């Protein structure tokens, strides 16, 4: 347990016991030598935007052990302090009130402080942790902003404030609460009332002596003397609707300026997208009787889909079979037996194998003349796909398409710095600063890469399923794993929403989401790529109209089934049983884009 854990928990325990005793016992009068609050003055300014600025000034007389854990001020913003359900509704762990500390001083000098988190968010520990308050009198001044206090109801608006709270177990000699109204809210339309007492007291039961009330030029002043321990003055105001407007953004009003960051990021990518211009338009599609010159089946699929997957590997195997390098035999258990048919170096063939085909051939038979293709061994299948993908990237580069990575890296890096800046400057209930920074960092990177996996891998896989190309079981398992992992990210996002603000959580989510969406949006086909795509489409039309019927008649169990066009049919997703069966065996792979 850290050194700061007990100071945060102890006041919660003490306050609960104090409230029980206060409710069960009559208040006692303070004795001359007791610890006490000599005076407590709270100036509450209601702004036109419905937020509050609060200035508290209180003088503490310390002679005993009431402040042996230092000065702790429990701001009256949680449901225990805002106990009156007639005015604020039922108990809630999070009242929705958010506080930003503006100033803390002791005896006129600024002093360090530590604000609690989660259920003890209202706790403000002033000075050194665990250091007892020195004997004598101490004057403290707090200034803070509070959002979410003003209530906009169906038939009227109201403000409730329990100025001192019920947590100090010392008497208060005099408490003064001044409420200053904005110019938009005339005092003559406001109904004001106040009383003082322990938690659970009402004006009719348990209240102490009546509060002295004075009209101010811009509001009201309430004064009460000799408050026993754990008692507080409560004030509330009601007025007709129409004088103050609720925040335009509702729950987003707190930290609304954070929404500027994703808006600027979106504008940045929009400018880049416009500057890149549109992709080349498709040309006239002419029938092609051969694959584009120099393109293997794997290369044809890479250009067409901008990536590699299990079908790419299946097309490569079929090409090796068509070139007489291997035999492919289906097994009863769903596996495939691959047999090496040539002992010569595949590079000596004429014409030579494509580089990725030679790579796969050498890796397949690095331990012997036979190999087994197991559809359930995703790791091994991914190994082969990675060899093909690396070779495709090396050979093609930006020849056929470009991802404009420099703009993506710049946008992602700027987003990360923005997210870290948000975490370092945030005010709220999310705990200590390092915890907030870690949660923000974790969400940004985990959801960023999780989103890329979904966009670059799962979406293409679902697209193949919808086209009837198989792989549903594997994709469903992968989607479930991503969803389960994503649920943890959603929980973190919810914690940030509850702990900081809705605007903070949405800004962080938008920064991640916009960067993920930019990856496919900024990809552009080059003029050369457009030309090759038109040729590939012409070749596909030829295969579909002329060769597909013949390929459909090839038996799945024929070890010599592959032909010149079959590898390209697999790569171009033309439906025929032999190639589909082989592609289904290779589907348990990760799509690379």
Foldseek 3Di string as FASTA:
>chain_A
DDPVVCVLVVLVVQQVVLLVCQVVDPFDFDDPQDKAWAEKEWEWEQDLQRKIKIKIKIKIADDDCLQQQADKAQAQQACQQVVPCVPQNDHDQFSLKFKDWDFKDKPPHGWDWDAAFRSRRRIIGTHDGSHGDDHGMIMMMTIMMMPDQWDDDDWWIKGKHFGRGQRRQHKYFKYKYWYFYDPLDDAVQKDKDKFKAAPPADPVGGTDDGWDWDADPGGIMTMDGRGGHRMTMMMMMMGGPDSHDHNPVHQCPAPVVLLVVLVVLLVLLVVVLVVVPAFDDFDDFAADQDAPPPAQLLNLLCLVVVWWALLSVLLLVLVCLQLVQWWWFADPVLKIKIFGRDPDQQCPDVVGDDPLSSVLSCVQAVPHRMHMQFLVPQVVLQVSRVSSGVSSCVVCPPVWKDQPVVSLVVLLVVLLVSLLVCLQPFGWNLGDSVSSSVLLVCLQVVVLVLLLLCVQFLVVVVVCVVVVLDDPVLSVVVVVVSVVVVVVSVVSLVSCCSTTHPNSSVSSVSSSVSSSVSRVSRMHTDPSNSVSNSNLVSNVVCCQPPPLVVQQPFDLRDRSSRHPCVSNCSSVVPDHPNSSSSSNSSRNYTIGD
